Amino acid sequence: MTDDSTGLSGRTAVVTGASRGIGLGIARRLIDDGANVVITARKEDALAEAVAQLGERARGVAGKADDDDHRAAAIATAVEAFGKVDILVNNAGINPVAGALADLDLGAARKILEVNLIGALGWTQRAIKDGGMTTGSVVNICSVAGITPSPGIAFYGVSKAALSHLTACLAVELGPGIRVNAVAPAVVKTRFATPLYQGREEEVASTYPLRRLGVPEDVAGAVAFLVSDAAGWITGQTLVLDGGLTLTGRVGA
């Protein structure tokens, strides 16, 4: 069902890292709200399956988020299929290591920054330079781990804190035509976040004032609002989506 009140009908979105989880949830919501969507992911089979689920207003381009040739190909696909890019959702992110910062492999740290931070900037640059994006909206997917220290995934949090600041900087530079915002979820029930709650979901959820973990639809709804005309006077903000967790003073993840 298309809801024209969101103002997304006829607009084109690129959502990175969207073959499953939060990214797929966002892509599905944007299509439901009237947008055309190009999604990306590393694995071709999973991406093809996601595109089949999304339907005729979806396209998929496989590749790595930190590969500029891939970024160029995805933006080109959006332009060829739908005209131009109006919405960019930087969802692709990695956290290949866990443990203390004192023991962190610096190569892994560089890779995290390359995908989570520099990749988001690269996608934004491509959307503007190649995608004809002079007006519209960018939403970066951050994390509460970037708001409060999160032992075990600390450098991932560092990358997301930097992404939140990048969001504010881009908002200043790209306004008034392009609005740039971010969302910062706590634990959302996805394969990516499984290690944070597997086997103890009830225990983890009990620390949240809303007494449940997030689901992809929670994030998708917030993103759909931020890219819509209803959020036309909002830019440079990071919206925390955490079921109230950070209000308790507990460590986010």
C-alpha atoms as a PDB file:
ATOM      1  CA  MET A   1       0.000   0.000   0.000  1.00  0.00           C
ATOM      2  CA  THR A   2       1.421   3.372  -1.017  1.00  0.00           C
ATOM      3  CA  ASP A   3       1.025   6.299   1.385  1.00  0.00           C
ATOM      4  CA  ASP A   4       1.388   9.488  -0.662  1.00  0.00           C
ATOM      5  CA  SER A   5       1.290  11.615   2.494  1.00  0.00           C
ATOM      6  CA  THR A   6       4.938  10.727   3.093  1.00  0.00           C
ATOM      7  CA  GLY A   7       5.890  12.496  -0.135  1.00  0.00           C
ATOM      8  CA  LEU A   8       8.038   9.637  -1.431  1.00  0.00           C
ATOM      9  CA  SER A   9       6.057   8.717  -4.534  1.00  0.00           C
ATOM     10  CA  GLY A  10       8.291   8.942  -7.590  1.00  0.00           C
ATOM     11  CA  ARG A  11      11.462   9.476  -5.564  1.00  0.00           C
ATOM     12  CA  THR A  12      14.472   7.210  -5.817  1.00  0.00           C
ATOM     13  CA  ALA A  13      16.416   5.874  -2.856  1.00  0.00           C
ATOM     14  CA  VAL A  14      19.730   4.050  -2.620  1.00  0.00           C
ATOM     15  CA  VAL A  15      20.018   1.884   0.499  1.00  0.00           C
ATOM     16  CA  THR A  16      23.371   0.249   1.177  1.00  0.00           C
ATOM     17  CA  GLY A  17      23.804  -3.058   2.971  1.00  0.00           C
ATOM     18  CA  ALA A  18      20.191  -3.980   2.346  1.00  0.00           C
ATOM     19  CA  SER A  19      19.919  -7.673   1.519  1.00  0.00           C
ATOM     20  CA  ARG A  20      18.643  -8.389   5.044  1.00  0.00           C
ATOM     21  CA  GLY A  21      18.111  -6.923   8.496  1.00  0.00           C
ATOM     22  CA  ILE A  22      17.771  -3.190   9.016  1.00  0.00           C
ATOM     23  CA  GLY A  23      18.685  -2.304   5.443  1.00  0.00           C
ATOM     24  CA  LEU A  24      16.063  -4.578   3.924  1.00  0.00           C
ATOM     25  CA  GLY A  25      13.496  -3.283   6.394  1.00  0.00           C
ATOM     26  CA  ILE A  26      14.252   0.287   5.361  1.00  0.00           C
ATOM     27  CA  ALA A  27      14.089  -0.561   1.644  1.00  0.00           C
ATOM     28  CA  ARG A  28      10.742  -2.302   2.109  1.00  0.00           C
ATOM     29  CA  ARG A  29       9.287   0.668   4.005  1.00  0.00           C
ATOM     30  CA  LEU A  30      10.479   3.192   1.406  1.00  0.00           C
ATOM     31  CA  ILE A  31       8.913   1.138  -1.376  1.00  0.00           C
ATOM     32  CA  ASP A  32       5.682   0.850   0.611  1.00  0.00           C
ATOM     33  CA  ASP A  33       5.730   4.637   0.903  1.00  0.00           C
ATOM     34  CA  GLY A  34       6.055   5.083  -2.858  1.00  0.00           C
ATOM     35  CA  ALA A  35       9.774   5.270  -3.593  1.00  0.00           C
ATOM     36  CA  ASN A  36      11.869   3.412  -6.145  1.00  0.00           C
ATOM     37  CA  VAL A  37      14.832   1.736  -4.468  1.00  0.00           C
ATOM     38  CA  VAL A  38      18.280   0.491  -5.421  1.00  0.00           C
ATOM     39  CA  ILE A  39      19.773  -1.779  -2.773  1.00  0.00           C
ATOM     40  CA  THR A  40      23.331  -3.015  -2.372  1.00  0.00           C
ATOM     41  CA  ALA A  41      25.037  -5.893  -0.586  1.00  0.00           C
ATOM     42  CA  ARG A  42      28.144  -8.015  -0.965  1.00  0.00           C
ATOM     43  CA  LYS A  43      26.504 -11.353  -1.813  1.00  0.00           C
ATOM     44  CA  GLU A  44      24.739 -11.583  -5.179  1.00  0.00           C
ATOM     45  CA  ASP A  45      22.418 -14.456  -4.256  1.00  0.00           C
ATOM     46  CA  ALA A  46      21.114 -12.798  -1.092  1.00  0.00           C
ATOM     47  CA  LEU A  47      20.734  -9.516  -2.948  1.00  0.00           C
ATOM     48  CA  ALA A  48      18.750 -11.124  -5.772  1.00  0.00           C
ATOM     49  CA  GLU A  49      16.433 -12.737  -3.237  1.00  0.00           C
ATOM     50  CA  ALA A  50      15.864  -9.389  -1.530  1.00  0.00           C
ATOM     51  CA  VAL A  51      15.100  -7.662  -4.836  1.00  0.00           C
ATOM     52  CA  ALA A  52      12.585 -10.392  -5.657  1.00  0.00           C
ATOM     53  CA  GLN A  53      10.865  -9.743  -2.323  1.00  0.00           C
ATOM     54  CA  LEU A  54      10.748  -6.001  -2.919  1.00  0.00           C
ATOM     55  CA  GLY A  55       9.240  -6.163  -6.393  1.00  0.00           C
ATOM     56  CA  GLU A  56       9.375  -4.237  -9.628  1.00  0.00           C
ATOM     57  CA  ARG A  57      10.382  -0.893  -8.132  1.00  0.00           C
ATOM     58  CA  ALA A  58      13.613  -2.365  -6.756  1.00  0.00           C
ATOM     59  CA  ARG A  59      17.024  -2.960  -8.304  1.00  0.00           C
ATOM     60  CA  GLY A  60      20.122  -4.546  -6.787  1.00  0.00           C
ATOM     61  CA  VAL A  61      23.841  -3.978  -7.320  1.00  0.00           C
ATOM     62  CA  ALA A  62      26.287  -6.320  -5.596  1.00  0.00           C
ATOM     63  CA  GLY A  63      29.633  -5.137  -4.286  1.00  0.00           C
ATOM     64  CA  LYS A  64      31.605  -3.889  -1.301  1.00  0.00           C
ATOM     65  CA  ALA A  65      30.572  -0.632   0.332  1.00  0.00           C
ATOM     66  CA  ASP A  66      34.167   0.603   0.520  1.00  0.00           C
ATOM     67  CA  ASP A  67      34.796   0.004  -3.208  1.00  0.00           C
ATOM     68  CA  ASP A  68      34.350   3.246  -5.143  1.00  0.00           C
ATOM     69  CA  ASP A  69      33.758   1.406  -8.423  1.00  0.00           C
ATOM     70  CA  HIS A  70      30.846  -0.358  -6.736  1.00  0.00           C
ATOM     71  CA  ARG A  71      29.497   2.929  -5.444  1.00  0.00           C
ATOM     72  CA  ALA A  72      29.678   4.377  -8.938  1.00  0.00           C
ATOM     73  CA  ALA A  73      27.888   1.358 -10.423  1.00  0.00           C
ATOM     74  CA  ALA A  74      25.056   1.496  -7.888  1.00  0.00           C
ATOM     75  CA  ILE A  75      24.456   5.203  -8.400  1.00  0.00           C
ATOM     76  CA  ALA A  76      24.596   4.731 -12.175  1.00  0.00           C
ATOM     77  CA  THR A  77      21.974   1.989 -11.908  1.00  0.00           C
ATOM     78  CA  ALA A  78      19.673   4.313  -9.963  1.00  0.00           C
ATOM     79  CA  VAL A  79      20.057   7.038 -12.578  1.00  0.00           C
ATOM     80  CA  GLU A  80      19.559   4.677 -15.521  1.00  0.00           C
ATOM     81  CA  ALA A  81      16.533   2.968 -14.007  1.00  0.00           C
ATOM     82  CA  PHE A  82      14.780   5.856 -12.279  1.00  0.00           C
ATOM     83  CA  GLY A  83      16.305   9.186 -13.354  1.00  0.00           C
ATOM     84  CA  LYS A  84      18.227  10.455 -10.349  1.00  0.00           C
ATOM     85  CA  VAL A  85      18.917   9.891  -6.656  1.00  0.00           C
ATOM     86  CA  ASP A  86      16.700  11.681  -4.127  1.00  0.00           C
ATOM     87  CA  ILE A  87      17.400   9.637  -0.993  1.00  0.00           C
ATOM     88  CA  LEU A  88      20.552   7.945   0.272  1.00  0.00           C
ATOM     89  CA  VAL A  89      20.576   5.658   3.299  1.00  0.00           C
ATOM     90  CA  ASN A  90      24.084   4.723   4.425  1.00  0.00           C
ATOM     91  CA  ASN A  91      23.324   1.487   6.248  1.00  0.00           C
ATOM     92  CA  ALA A  92      26.306  -0.694   5.293  1.00  0.00           C
ATOM     93  CA  GLY A  93      28.535  -1.292   8.290  1.00  0.00           C
ATOM     94  CA  ILE A  94      30.924  -3.846   9.729  1.00  0.00           C
ATOM     95  CA  ASN A  95      32.328  -4.905  13.075  1.00  0.00           C
ATOM     96  CA  PRO A  96      34.747  -7.759  12.335  1.00  0.00           C
ATOM     97  CA  VAL A  97      36.447  -7.793  15.732  1.00  0.00           C
ATOM     98  CA  ALA A  98      35.516  -7.755  19.407  1.00  0.00           C
ATOM     99  CA  GLY A  99      37.601  -7.170  22.483  1.00  0.00           C
ATOM    100  CA  ALA A 100      39.602  -4.517  24.276  1.00  0.00           C
ATOM    101  CA  LEU A 101      41.018  -1.517  22.452  1.00  0.00           C
ATOM    102  CA  ALA A 102      44.476  -2.284  23.842  1.00  0.00           C
ATOM    103  CA  ASP A 103      44.464  -5.500  21.826  1.00  0.00           C
ATOM    104  CA  LEU A 104      42.707  -4.228  18.708  1.00  0.00           C
ATOM    105  CA  ASP A 105      44.322  -5.129  15.405  1.00  0.00           C
ATOM    106  CA  LEU A 106      45.003  -1.815  13.689  1.00  0.00           C
ATOM    107  CA  GLY A 107      44.303  -3.288  10.279  1.00  0.00           C
ATOM    108  CA  ALA A 108      40.812  -4.198  11.460  1.00  0.00           C
ATOM    109  CA  ALA A 109      40.400  -0.695  12.886  1.00  0.00           C
ATOM    110  CA  ARG A 110      41.264   0.834   9.521  1.00  0.00           C
ATOM    111  CA  LYS A 111      38.801  -1.477   7.754  1.00  0.00           C
ATOM    112  CA  ILE A 112      36.005  -0.475  10.147  1.00  0.00           C
ATOM    113  CA  LEU A 113      36.626   3.194   9.415  1.00  0.00           C
ATOM    114  CA  GLU A 114      36.902   2.551   5.683  1.00  0.00           C
ATOM    115  CA  VAL A 115      33.438   0.967   5.544  1.00  0.00           C
ATOM    116  CA  ASN A 116      31.518   2.673   8.348  1.00  0.00           C
ATOM    117  CA  LEU A 117      32.808   6.231   7.971  1.00  0.00           C
ATOM    118  CA  ILE A 118      34.752   6.867   4.768  1.00  0.00           C
ATOM    119  CA  GLY A 119      32.359   4.652   2.835  1.00  0.00           C
ATOM    120  CA  ALA A 120      29.395   6.769   3.942  1.00  0.00           C
ATOM    121  CA  LEU A 121      31.188   9.907   2.781  1.00  0.00           C
ATOM    122  CA  GLY A 122      32.051   8.238  -0.525  1.00  0.00           C
ATOM    123  CA  TRP A 123      28.434   7.217  -1.115  1.00  0.00           C
ATOM    124  CA  THR A 124      27.289  10.756  -0.372  1.00  0.00           C
ATOM    125  CA  GLN A 125      29.830  12.223  -2.776  1.00  0.00           C
ATOM    126  CA  ARG A 126      28.749   9.828  -5.533  1.00  0.00           C
ATOM    127  CA  ALA A 127      25.058  10.578  -4.979  1.00  0.00           C
ATOM    128  CA  ILE A 128      25.752  14.284  -5.419  1.00  0.00           C
ATOM    129  CA  LYS A 129      28.287  14.134  -8.259  1.00  0.00           C
ATOM    130  CA  ASP A 130      26.874  11.231 -10.276  1.00  0.00           C
ATOM    131  CA  GLY A 131      23.316  10.858  -9.009  1.00  0.00           C
ATOM    132  CA  GLY A 132      22.061  14.349  -9.689  1.00  0.00           C
ATOM    133  CA  MET A 133      21.263  14.831  -6.010  1.00  0.00           C
ATOM    134  CA  THR A 134      20.800  18.569  -5.505  1.00  0.00           C
ATOM    135  CA  THR A 135      17.791  18.224  -3.243  1.00  0.00           C
ATOM    136  CA  GLY A 136      16.686  15.359  -1.040  1.00  0.00           C
ATOM    137  CA  SER A 137      17.819  13.569   2.067  1.00  0.00           C
ATOM    138  CA  VAL A 138      20.680  11.474   3.401  1.00  0.00           C
ATOM    139  CA  VAL A 139      20.268   9.275   6.482  1.00  0.00           C
ATOM    140  CA  ASN A 140      23.256   7.602   8.123  1.00  0.00           C
ATOM    141  CA  ILE A 141      22.746   4.555  10.333  1.00  0.00           C
ATOM    142  CA  CYS A 142      24.736   5.119  13.505  1.00  0.00           C
ATOM    143  CA  SER A 143      24.481   3.345  16.879  1.00  0.00           C
ATOM    144  CA  VAL A 144      24.073   4.033  20.567  1.00  0.00           C
ATOM    145  CA  ALA A 145      27.552   2.506  20.799  1.00  0.00           C
ATOM    146  CA  GLY A 146      28.670   5.836  19.353  1.00  0.00           C
ATOM    147  CA  ILE A 147      26.948   7.742  22.146  1.00  0.00           C
ATOM    148  CA  THR A 148      28.133   5.866  25.226  1.00  0.00           C
ATOM    149  CA  PRO A 149      31.144   3.541  25.682  1.00  0.00           C
ATOM    150  CA  SER A 150      30.406  -0.064  24.742  1.00  0.00           C
ATOM    151  CA  PRO A 151      33.130  -2.443  25.935  1.00  0.00           C
ATOM    152  CA  GLY A 152      33.899  -5.198  23.472  1.00  0.00           C
ATOM    153  CA  ILE A 153      32.727  -3.222  20.445  1.00  0.00           C
ATOM    154  CA  ALA A 154      34.380   0.055  21.364  1.00  0.00           C
ATOM    155  CA  PHE A 155      36.028   0.846  18.042  1.00  0.00           C
ATOM    156  CA  TYR A 156      32.808   0.126  16.194  1.00  0.00           C
ATOM    157  CA  GLY A 157      31.329   2.766  18.499  1.00  0.00           C
ATOM    158  CA  VAL A 158      34.161   5.145  17.657  1.00  0.00           C
ATOM    159  CA  SER A 159      33.349   4.782  13.964  1.00  0.00           C
ATOM    160  CA  LYS A 160      29.669   5.477  14.627  1.00  0.00           C
ATOM    161  CA  ALA A 161      30.460   8.508  16.793  1.00  0.00           C
ATOM    162  CA  ALA A 162      32.516   9.850  13.910  1.00  0.00           C
ATOM    163  CA  LEU A 163      29.650   9.108  11.517  1.00  0.00           C
ATOM    164  CA  SER A 164      27.276  11.104  13.707  1.00  0.00           C
ATOM    165  CA  HIS A 165      29.658  14.064  13.594  1.00  0.00           C
ATOM    166  CA  LEU A 166      30.061  13.643   9.837  1.00  0.00           C
ATOM    167  CA  THR A 167      26.267  13.827   9.629  1.00  0.00           C
ATOM    168  CA  ALA A 168      26.263  17.234  11.312  1.00  0.00           C
ATOM    169  CA  CYS A 169      29.122  18.535   9.166  1.00  0.00           C
ATOM    170  CA  LEU A 170      27.443  17.427   5.936  1.00  0.00           C
ATOM    171  CA  ALA A 171      24.163  18.979   7.042  1.00  0.00           C
ATOM    172  CA  VAL A 172      25.857  22.369   7.345  1.00  0.00           C
ATOM    173  CA  GLU A 173      27.644  22.057   4.020  1.00  0.00           C
ATOM    174  CA  LEU A 174      24.817  20.573   1.938  1.00  0.00           C
ATOM    175  CA  GLY A 175      21.905  22.685   3.143  1.00  0.00           C
ATOM    176  CA  PRO A 176      19.507  24.035   2.178  1.00  0.00           C
ATOM    177  CA  GLY A 177      18.957  21.608  -0.682  1.00  0.00           C
ATOM    178  CA  ILE A 178      19.994  18.351   0.954  1.00  0.00           C
ATOM    179  CA  ARG A 179      19.088  17.413   4.514  1.00  0.00           C
ATOM    180  CA  VAL A 180      21.411  15.019   6.349  1.00  0.00           C
ATOM    181  CA  ASN A 181      20.363  13.155   9.492  1.00  0.00           C
ATOM    182  CA  ALA A 182      21.194   9.942  11.324  1.00  0.00           C
ATOM    183  CA  VAL A 183      19.533   7.346  13.506  1.00  0.00           C
ATOM    184  CA  ALA A 184      21.297   5.579  16.369  1.00  0.00           C
ATOM    185  CA  PRO A 185      19.649   2.269  17.287  1.00  0.00           C
ATOM    186  CA  ALA A 186      20.372   0.142  20.318  1.00  0.00           C
ATOM    187  CA  VAL A 187      20.158  -3.650  19.866  1.00  0.00           C
ATOM    188  CA  VAL A 188      17.942  -4.543  16.934  1.00  0.00           C
ATOM    189  CA  LYS A 189      17.065  -8.186  16.336  1.00  0.00           C
ATOM    190  CA  THR A 190      19.135  -8.934  13.232  1.00  0.00           C
ATOM    191  CA  ARG A 191      21.792 -11.460  12.300  1.00  0.00           C
ATOM    192  CA  PHE A 192      24.432  -8.720  12.676  1.00  0.00           C
ATOM    193  CA  ALA A 193      23.462  -8.089  16.308  1.00  0.00           C
ATOM    194  CA  THR A 194      22.794 -11.699  17.315  1.00  0.00           C
ATOM    195  CA  PRO A 195      25.941 -12.031  19.488  1.00  0.00           C
ATOM    196  CA  LEU A 196      24.656  -9.201  21.655  1.00  0.00           C
ATOM    197  CA  TYR A 197      21.511 -11.025  22.765  1.00  0.00           C
ATOM    198  CA  GLN A 198      21.568 -14.670  21.636  1.00  0.00           C
ATOM    199  CA  GLY A 199      20.482 -16.999  24.413  1.00  0.00           C
ATOM    200  CA  ARG A 200      19.653 -14.123  26.756  1.00  0.00           C
ATOM    201  CA  GLU A 201      17.154 -11.939  24.932  1.00  0.00           C
ATOM    202  CA  GLU A 202      14.799 -11.659  27.901  1.00  0.00           C
ATOM    203  CA  GLU A 203      17.676 -10.625  30.170  1.00  0.00           C
ATOM    204  CA  VAL A 204      18.935  -7.990  27.744  1.00  0.00           C
ATOM    205  CA  ALA A 205      15.450  -6.655  27.025  1.00  0.00           C
ATOM    206  CA  SER A 206      14.761  -6.296  30.748  1.00  0.00           C
ATOM    207  CA  THR A 207      17.294  -3.432  30.877  1.00  0.00           C
ATOM    208  CA  TYR A 208      15.230  -1.384  28.393  1.00  0.00           C
ATOM    209  CA  PRO A 209      12.364   0.760  29.765  1.00  0.00           C
ATOM    210  CA  LEU A 210      10.183  -0.498  26.886  1.00  0.00           C
ATOM    211  CA  ARG A 211      11.151  -4.091  27.817  1.00  0.00           C
ATOM    212  CA  ARG A 212      11.920  -5.266  24.305  1.00  0.00           C
ATOM    213  CA  LEU A 213      14.680  -5.167  21.742  1.00  0.00           C
ATOM    214  CA  GLY A 214      14.274  -3.297  18.505  1.00  0.00           C
ATOM    215  CA  VAL A 215      13.154  -4.794  15.209  1.00  0.00           C
ATOM    216  CA  PRO A 216      14.063  -3.550  11.710  1.00  0.00           C
ATOM    217  CA  GLU A 217      10.643  -1.932  11.325  1.00  0.00           C
ATOM    218  CA  ASP A 218      11.422   0.380  14.248  1.00  0.00           C
ATOM    219  CA  VAL A 219      14.404   1.789  12.393  1.00  0.00           C
ATOM    220  CA  ALA A 220      12.631   1.799   9.036  1.00  0.00           C
ATOM    221  CA  GLY A 221       9.784   3.934  10.372  1.00  0.00           C
ATOM    222  CA  ALA A 222      12.184   6.545  11.715  1.00  0.00           C
ATOM    223  CA  VAL A 223      14.139   6.654   8.454  1.00  0.00           C
ATOM    224  CA  ALA A 224      10.944   6.969   6.413  1.00  0.00           C
ATOM    225  CA  PHE A 225       9.985   9.975   8.529  1.00  0.00           C
ATOM    226  CA  LEU A 226      13.389  11.647   8.230  1.00  0.00           C
ATOM    227  CA  VAL A 227      13.471  11.398   4.436  1.00  0.00           C
ATOM    228  CA  SER A 228       9.885  12.628   4.069  1.00  0.00           C
ATOM    229  CA  ASP A 229       8.621  16.182   3.709  1.00  0.00           C
ATOM    230  CA  ALA A 230       7.199  15.893   7.226  1.00  0.00           C
ATOM    231  CA  ALA A 231      10.802  16.236   8.466  1.00  0.00           C
ATOM    232  CA  GLY A 232      11.526  19.192   6.185  1.00  0.00           C
ATOM    233  CA  TRP A 233      12.913  21.380   8.995  1.00  0.00           C
ATOM    234  CA  ILE A 234      15.149  18.697  10.500  1.00  0.00           C
ATOM    235  CA  THR A 235      18.804  18.388   9.551  1.00  0.00           C
ATOM    236  CA  GLY A 236      22.081  17.518  11.260  1.00  0.00           C
ATOM    237  CA  GLN A 237      20.363  15.452  13.954  1.00  0.00           C
ATOM    238  CA  THR A 238      21.040  11.970  15.283  1.00  0.00           C
ATOM    239  CA  LEU A 239      17.785  10.392  16.420  1.00  0.00           C
ATOM    240  CA  VAL A 240      18.315   7.822  19.180  1.00  0.00           C
ATOM    241  CA  LEU A 241      16.190   4.681  18.767  1.00  0.00           C
ATOM    242  CA  ASP A 242      16.874   2.689  21.907  1.00  0.00           C
ATOM    243  CA  GLY A 243      13.664   1.774  23.728  1.00  0.00           C
ATOM    244  CA  GLY A 244      14.810   4.175  26.428  1.00  0.00           C
ATOM    245  CA  LEU A 245      18.063   2.319  27.174  1.00  0.00           C
ATOM    246  CA  THR A 246      20.361   5.351  27.345  1.00  0.00           C
ATOM    247  CA  LEU A 247      17.986   7.006  29.822  1.00  0.00           C
ATOM    248  CA  THR A 248      18.934   4.353  32.352  1.00  0.00           C
ATOM    249  CA  GLY A 249      22.644   5.140  32.216  1.00  0.00           C
ATOM    250  CA  ARG A 250      23.464   1.629  31.073  1.00  0.00           C
ATOM    251  CA  VAL A 251      26.054   0.887  28.445  1.00  0.00           C
ATOM    252  CA  GLY A 252      24.629   0.829  24.929  1.00  0.00           C
ATOM    253  CA  ALA A 253      25.363  -1.790  22.294  1.00  0.00           C
END
